[in-house]
Amino acid sequence: MAYEIELDVGGEKKKFIRNEPPVLRDMTKALIVQQQQLKMYSKDDGPTEDDFNKNEKNLANFAVSFWKNQFKADQFIAGCDKKNMDILNLAIGDSLGGGNEDSPKKSQSKTSTKQ
């Protein structure tokens, strides 16, 4: 599956493509994003401004790593729109093992026929 985003970089639309499936590095970075989001949304009084800033940084760092340094974190933050966030969320989900059709299917558990 190709992961394709188009960022506004300095007023110009630029396309970035990744054709490889997620690897361990992507899985680890996706876990970092997920862990921070779980922490921020599980607080009794909700996320703080600092939490949102950390989330933005983690998402941008994931994107830079996932698309193999084709752009910088600040370029992603400044040029990413809703459509690109949907693609980023797909990449994170696939890295975590959700929805990736290329991933191995879990085998059915065996049932005993003994009485």
N, C-alpha and C. Protein backbone atom coordinates (compact mmCIF):
# COMPACT_ATOMS: atom_id res chain seq x y z
N MET A 1 0.84 -1.18 0.00
CA MET A 1 0.00 0.00 0.00
C MET A 1 0.88 1.24 0.00
N ALA A 2 0.53 2.20 -0.81
CA ALA A 2 1.26 3.47 -0.85
C ALA A 2 0.60 4.46 0.10
N TYR A 3 1.42 5.15 0.85
CA TYR A 3 0.96 6.20 1.75
C TYR A 3 1.38 7.52 1.11
N GLU A 4 0.43 8.33 0.72
CA GLU A 4 0.72 9.54 -0.01
C GLU A 4 0.08 10.75 0.68
N ILE A 5 0.92 11.73 0.97
CA ILE A 5 0.42 12.99 1.52
C ILE A 5 0.89 14.13 0.63
N GLU A 6 0.18 15.23 0.72
CA GLU A 6 0.54 16.43 -0.03
C GLU A 6 0.53 17.60 0.94
N LEU A 7 1.71 18.12 1.23
CA LEU A 7 1.85 19.20 2.19
C LEU A 7 2.06 20.53 1.49
N ASP A 8 1.58 21.56 2.13
CA ASP A 8 1.87 22.92 1.68
C ASP A 8 3.21 23.30 2.32
N VAL A 9 4.25 23.37 1.50
CA VAL A 9 5.59 23.70 1.98
C VAL A 9 6.00 25.02 1.35
N GLY A 10 6.01 26.06 2.16
CA GLY A 10 6.39 27.38 1.66
C GLY A 10 5.47 27.92 0.57
N GLY A 11 4.17 27.63 0.72
CA GLY A 11 3.20 28.10 -0.25
C GLY A 11 3.09 27.24 -1.50
N GLU A 12 3.82 26.14 -1.54
CA GLU A 12 3.80 25.25 -2.70
C GLU A 12 3.38 23.85 -2.25
N LYS A 13 2.46 23.22 -2.98
CA LYS A 13 2.02 21.86 -2.66
C LYS A 13 3.09 20.87 -3.13
N LYS A 14 3.52 20.01 -2.20
CA LYS A 14 4.51 18.99 -2.53
C LYS A 14 3.98 17.63 -2.08
N LYS A 15 4.17 16.64 -2.94
CA LYS A 15 3.68 15.29 -2.68
C LYS A 15 4.82 14.43 -2.12
N PHE A 16 4.49 13.64 -1.10
CA PHE A 16 5.43 12.73 -0.48
C PHE A 16 4.81 11.34 -0.44
N ILE A 17 5.56 10.34 -0.88
CA ILE A 17 5.03 8.99 -0.99
C ILE A 17 5.93 8.01 -0.26
N ARG A 18 5.28 7.06 0.40
CA ARG A 18 5.98 5.92 1.00
C ARG A 18 5.28 4.66 0.50
N ASN A 19 6.04 3.76 -0.08
CA ASN A 19 5.48 2.53 -0.65
C ASN A 19 5.66 1.30 0.22
N GLU A 20 6.50 1.39 1.24
CA GLU A 20 6.80 0.24 2.08
C GLU A 20 5.79 0.11 3.22
N PRO A 21 5.52 -1.12 3.66
CA PRO A 21 4.66 -1.30 4.83
C PRO A 21 5.40 -0.85 6.09
N PRO A 22 4.66 -0.62 7.16
CA PRO A 22 5.30 -0.21 8.42
C PRO A 22 6.30 -1.25 8.91
N VAL A 23 7.36 -0.76 9.55
CA VAL A 23 8.40 -1.60 10.14
C VAL A 23 8.48 -1.32 11.64
N LEU A 24 9.36 -2.00 12.32
CA LEU A 24 9.47 -1.87 13.78
C LEU A 24 9.63 -0.42 14.23
N ARG A 25 10.45 0.37 13.55
CA ARG A 25 10.65 1.77 13.93
C ARG A 25 9.31 2.52 13.91
N ASP A 26 8.48 2.24 12.89
CA ASP A 26 7.17 2.88 12.78
C ASP A 26 6.26 2.43 13.91
N MET A 27 6.32 1.15 14.23
CA MET A 27 5.50 0.61 15.32
C MET A 27 5.85 1.28 16.64
N THR A 28 7.15 1.44 16.89
CA THR A 28 7.61 2.06 18.13
C THR A 28 7.15 3.51 18.20
N LYS A 29 7.32 4.25 17.12
CA LYS A 29 6.90 5.66 17.11
C LYS A 29 5.38 5.79 17.24
N ALA A 30 4.64 4.86 16.65
CA ALA A 30 3.18 4.87 16.78
C ALA A 30 2.77 4.61 18.22
N LEU A 31 3.49 3.72 18.90
CA LEU A 31 3.21 3.46 20.31
C LEU A 31 3.47 4.69 21.17
N ILE A 32 4.50 5.45 20.83
CA ILE A 32 4.79 6.69 21.56
C ILE A 32 3.62 7.67 21.40
N VAL A 33 3.12 7.81 20.18
CA VAL A 33 1.96 8.68 19.94
C VAL A 33 0.76 8.19 20.74
N GLN A 34 0.49 6.89 20.65
CA GLN A 34 -0.67 6.32 21.32
C GLN A 34 -0.57 6.47 22.85
N GLN A 35 0.60 6.19 23.40
CA GLN A 35 0.77 6.28 24.86
C GLN A 35 0.52 7.71 25.36
N GLN A 36 1.08 8.68 24.67
CA GLN A 36 0.90 10.08 25.09
C GLN A 36 -0.56 10.50 24.98
N GLN A 37 -1.25 10.06 23.92
CA GLN A 37 -2.65 10.41 23.76
C GLN A 37 -3.51 9.76 24.84
N LEU A 38 -3.21 8.52 25.18
CA LEU A 38 -3.95 7.86 26.25
C LEU A 38 -3.78 8.60 27.57
N LYS A 39 -2.55 9.02 27.86
CA LYS A 39 -2.29 9.77 29.09
C LYS A 39 -3.05 11.09 29.10
N MET A 40 -2.99 11.82 27.98
CA MET A 40 -3.60 13.16 27.97
C MET A 40 -5.12 13.10 28.06
N TYR A 41 -5.72 12.10 27.45
CA TYR A 41 -7.18 12.03 27.47
C TYR A 41 -7.74 11.30 28.69
N SER A 42 -6.87 10.67 29.48
CA SER A 42 -7.35 9.98 30.67
C SER A 42 -7.23 10.84 31.93
N LYS A 43 -6.74 12.04 31.79
CA LYS A 43 -6.65 12.94 32.94
C LYS A 43 -8.06 13.37 33.37
N ASP A 44 -8.26 13.45 34.68
CA ASP A 44 -9.57 13.83 35.21
C ASP A 44 -10.04 15.19 34.69
N ASP A 45 -9.12 16.14 34.59
CA ASP A 45 -9.49 17.48 34.14
C ASP A 45 -9.23 17.70 32.65
N GLY A 46 -8.91 16.63 31.92
CA GLY A 46 -8.72 16.71 30.47
C GLY A 46 -7.32 17.17 30.10
N PRO A 47 -7.05 17.19 28.80
CA PRO A 47 -5.72 17.56 28.31
C PRO A 47 -5.41 19.04 28.56
N THR A 48 -4.14 19.31 28.74
CA THR A 48 -3.67 20.69 28.91
C THR A 48 -3.08 21.18 27.60
N GLU A 49 -2.75 22.44 27.55
CA GLU A 49 -2.10 23.01 26.37
C GLU A 49 -0.77 22.29 26.12
N ASP A 50 -0.05 22.01 27.19
CA ASP A 50 1.22 21.29 27.07
C ASP A 50 1.00 19.91 26.45
N ASP A 51 -0.08 19.23 26.84
CA ASP A 51 -0.40 17.92 26.27
C ASP A 51 -0.63 18.02 24.76
N PHE A 52 -1.37 19.03 24.34
CA PHE A 52 -1.64 19.21 22.91
C PHE A 52 -0.36 19.52 22.14
N ASN A 53 0.53 20.30 22.76
CA ASN A 53 1.82 20.61 22.12
C ASN A 53 2.68 19.35 21.98
N LYS A 54 2.70 18.50 23.02
CA LYS A 54 3.44 17.24 22.95
C LYS A 54 2.84 16.34 21.88
N ASN A 55 1.52 16.30 21.80
CA ASN A 55 0.84 15.48 20.80
C ASN A 55 1.22 15.93 19.39
N GLU A 56 1.19 17.23 19.17
CA GLU A 56 1.56 17.79 17.87
C GLU A 56 2.99 17.39 17.50
N LYS A 57 3.89 17.51 18.46
CA LYS A 57 5.30 17.15 18.23
C LYS A 57 5.44 15.67 17.93
N ASN A 58 4.76 14.82 18.70
CA ASN A 58 4.83 13.37 18.47
C ASN A 58 4.27 12.98 17.11
N LEU A 59 3.15 13.59 16.71
CA LEU A 59 2.56 13.31 15.40
C LEU A 59 3.51 13.72 14.28
N ALA A 60 4.10 14.90 14.41
CA ALA A 60 5.02 15.39 13.40
C ALA A 60 6.27 14.51 13.32
N ASN A 61 6.80 14.10 14.48
CA ASN A 61 7.98 13.23 14.50
C ASN A 61 7.67 11.87 13.88
N PHE A 62 6.46 11.35 14.16
CA PHE A 62 6.06 10.10 13.53
C PHE A 62 6.03 10.27 12.01
N ALA A 63 5.40 11.35 11.54
CA ALA A 63 5.28 11.58 10.09
C ALA A 63 6.65 11.69 9.43
N VAL A 64 7.55 12.45 10.03
CA VAL A 64 8.90 12.61 9.45
C VAL A 64 9.59 11.25 9.35
N SER A 65 9.53 10.47 10.40
CA SER A 65 10.16 9.16 10.40
C SER A 65 9.48 8.22 9.40
N PHE A 66 8.15 8.21 9.41
CA PHE A 66 7.38 7.31 8.55
C PHE A 66 7.66 7.58 7.07
N TRP A 67 7.72 8.85 6.71
CA TRP A 67 7.99 9.22 5.31
C TRP A 67 9.49 9.40 5.06
N LYS A 68 10.30 8.81 5.93
CA LYS A 68 11.75 8.69 5.75
C LYS A 68 12.45 10.03 5.50
N ASN A 69 12.14 11.00 6.35
CA ASN A 69 12.82 12.30 6.36
C ASN A 69 12.72 13.07 5.03
N GLN A 70 11.60 12.92 4.33
CA GLN A 70 11.41 13.67 3.09
C GLN A 70 11.04 15.13 3.37
N PHE A 71 10.68 15.43 4.62
CA PHE A 71 10.33 16.78 5.06
C PHE A 71 10.68 16.89 6.54
N LYS A 72 10.61 18.10 7.06
CA LYS A 72 10.93 18.36 8.47
C LYS A 72 9.65 18.46 9.29
N ALA A 73 9.80 18.27 10.60
CA ALA A 73 8.64 18.30 11.50
C ALA A 73 7.89 19.63 11.40
N ASP A 74 8.62 20.75 11.37
CA ASP A 74 7.95 22.05 11.30
C ASP A 74 7.23 22.23 9.97
N GLN A 75 7.73 21.62 8.90
CA GLN A 75 7.04 21.68 7.61
C GLN A 75 5.75 20.87 7.66
N PHE A 76 5.80 19.74 8.34
CA PHE A 76 4.59 18.94 8.49
C PHE A 76 3.55 19.70 9.30
N ILE A 77 3.96 20.25 10.42
CA ILE A 77 3.02 20.98 11.29
C ILE A 77 2.39 22.15 10.54
N ALA A 78 3.19 22.90 9.81
CA ALA A 78 2.68 24.09 9.12
C ALA A 78 1.89 23.76 7.86
N GLY A 79 2.15 22.60 7.24
CA GLY A 79 1.53 22.31 5.95
C GLY A 79 0.53 21.18 5.92
N CYS A 80 0.24 20.60 7.07
CA CYS A 80 -0.66 19.45 7.14
C CYS A 80 -2.11 19.90 7.28
N ASP A 81 -2.99 19.37 6.42
CA ASP A 81 -4.42 19.68 6.52
C ASP A 81 -5.19 18.44 7.00
N LYS A 82 -6.51 18.56 7.05
CA LYS A 82 -7.37 17.48 7.55
C LYS A 82 -7.18 16.19 6.74
N LYS A 83 -7.12 16.30 5.43
CA LYS A 83 -6.96 15.11 4.58
C LYS A 83 -5.65 14.39 4.92
N ASN A 84 -4.59 15.16 5.12
CA ASN A 84 -3.30 14.56 5.47
C ASN A 84 -3.33 13.94 6.87
N MET A 85 -4.08 14.55 7.77
CA MET A 85 -4.21 13.97 9.11
C MET A 85 -4.91 12.62 9.04
N ASP A 86 -5.89 12.49 8.15
CA ASP A 86 -6.57 11.21 7.97
C ASP A 86 -5.57 10.14 7.49
N ILE A 87 -4.69 10.52 6.58
CA ILE A 87 -3.67 9.59 6.07
C ILE A 87 -2.67 9.27 7.16
N LEU A 88 -2.28 10.28 7.93
CA LEU A 88 -1.36 10.06 9.04
C LEU A 88 -1.98 9.08 10.05
N ASN A 89 -3.23 9.28 10.37
CA ASN A 89 -3.91 8.38 11.32
C ASN A 89 -3.99 6.96 10.78
N LEU A 90 -4.17 6.82 9.47
CA LEU A 90 -4.16 5.50 8.84
C LEU A 90 -2.78 4.86 9.00
N ALA A 91 -1.73 5.63 8.75
CA ALA A 91 -0.36 5.13 8.88
C ALA A 91 -0.07 4.70 10.32
N ILE A 92 -0.54 5.49 11.28
CA ILE A 92 -0.36 5.14 12.69
C ILE A 92 -1.12 3.85 13.01
N GLY A 93 -2.37 3.78 12.57
CA GLY A 93 -3.18 2.58 12.81
C GLY A 93 -2.56 1.34 12.18
N ASP A 94 -2.08 1.47 10.95
CA ASP A 94 -1.43 0.34 10.30
C ASP A 94 -0.15 -0.05 11.03
N SER A 95 0.57 0.92 11.54
CA SER A 95 1.80 0.64 12.29
C SER A 95 1.50 -0.08 13.60
N LEU A 96 0.34 0.20 14.17
CA LEU A 96 -0.07 -0.47 15.41
C LEU A 96 -0.73 -1.82 15.13
N GLY A 97 -0.94 -2.12 13.85
CA GLY A 97 -1.50 -3.42 13.50
C GLY A 97 -2.99 -3.40 13.23
N GLY A 98 -3.61 -2.24 13.20
CA GLY A 98 -5.05 -2.17 12.94
C GLY A 98 -5.33 -1.86 11.49
N GLY A 99 -6.11 -2.70 10.83
CA GLY A 99 -6.57 -2.42 9.49
C GLY A 99 -5.58 -2.69 8.38
N ASN A 100 -4.44 -3.25 8.68
CA ASN A 100 -3.44 -3.53 7.65
C ASN A 100 -3.72 -4.90 7.05
N GLU A 101 -4.14 -4.93 5.80
CA GLU A 101 -4.49 -6.18 5.15
C GLU A 101 -3.28 -7.05 4.88
N ASP A 102 -2.08 -6.50 4.89
CA ASP A 102 -0.87 -7.26 4.66
C ASP A 102 -0.40 -8.00 5.92
N SER A 103 -0.98 -7.66 7.06
CA SER A 103 -0.54 -8.28 8.30
C SER A 103 -1.10 -9.69 8.40
N PRO A 104 -0.35 -10.58 9.05
CA PRO A 104 -0.83 -11.96 9.18
C PRO A 104 -2.10 -12.02 10.01
N LYS A 105 -2.98 -12.89 9.64
CA LYS A 105 -4.23 -13.06 10.37
C LYS A 105 -3.98 -13.97 11.58
N LYS A 106 -4.67 -13.67 12.65
CA LYS A 106 -4.55 -14.49 13.85
C LYS A 106 -5.31 -15.79 13.58
N SER A 107 -4.68 -16.91 13.89
CA SER A 107 -5.34 -18.19 13.64
C SER A 107 -6.42 -18.44 14.68
N GLN A 108 -7.38 -19.20 14.29
CA GLN A 108 -8.47 -19.57 15.19
C GLN A 108 -7.90 -20.44 16.29
N SER A 109 -8.41 -20.27 17.50
CA SER A 109 -7.96 -21.13 18.58
C SER A 109 -8.56 -22.53 18.36
N LYS A 110 -7.80 -23.54 18.70
CA LYS A 110 -8.25 -24.91 18.50
C LYS A 110 -9.15 -25.30 19.65
N THR A 111 -10.16 -26.06 19.31
CA THR A 111 -11.05 -26.56 20.34
C THR A 111 -10.78 -28.04 20.56
N SER A 112 -10.95 -28.44 21.76
CA SER A 112 -10.69 -29.83 22.10
C SER A 112 -11.91 -30.68 21.76
N THR A 113 -11.67 -31.90 21.31
CA THR A 113 -12.77 -32.83 21.05
C THR A 113 -12.83 -33.88 22.15
N LYS A 114 -11.96 -33.76 23.14
CA LYS A 114 -11.98 -34.72 24.25
C LYS A 114 -13.19 -34.49 25.13
N GLN A 115 -13.69 -35.56 25.69
CA GLN A 115 -14.85 -35.44 26.59
C GLN A 115 -14.46 -35.59 28.02
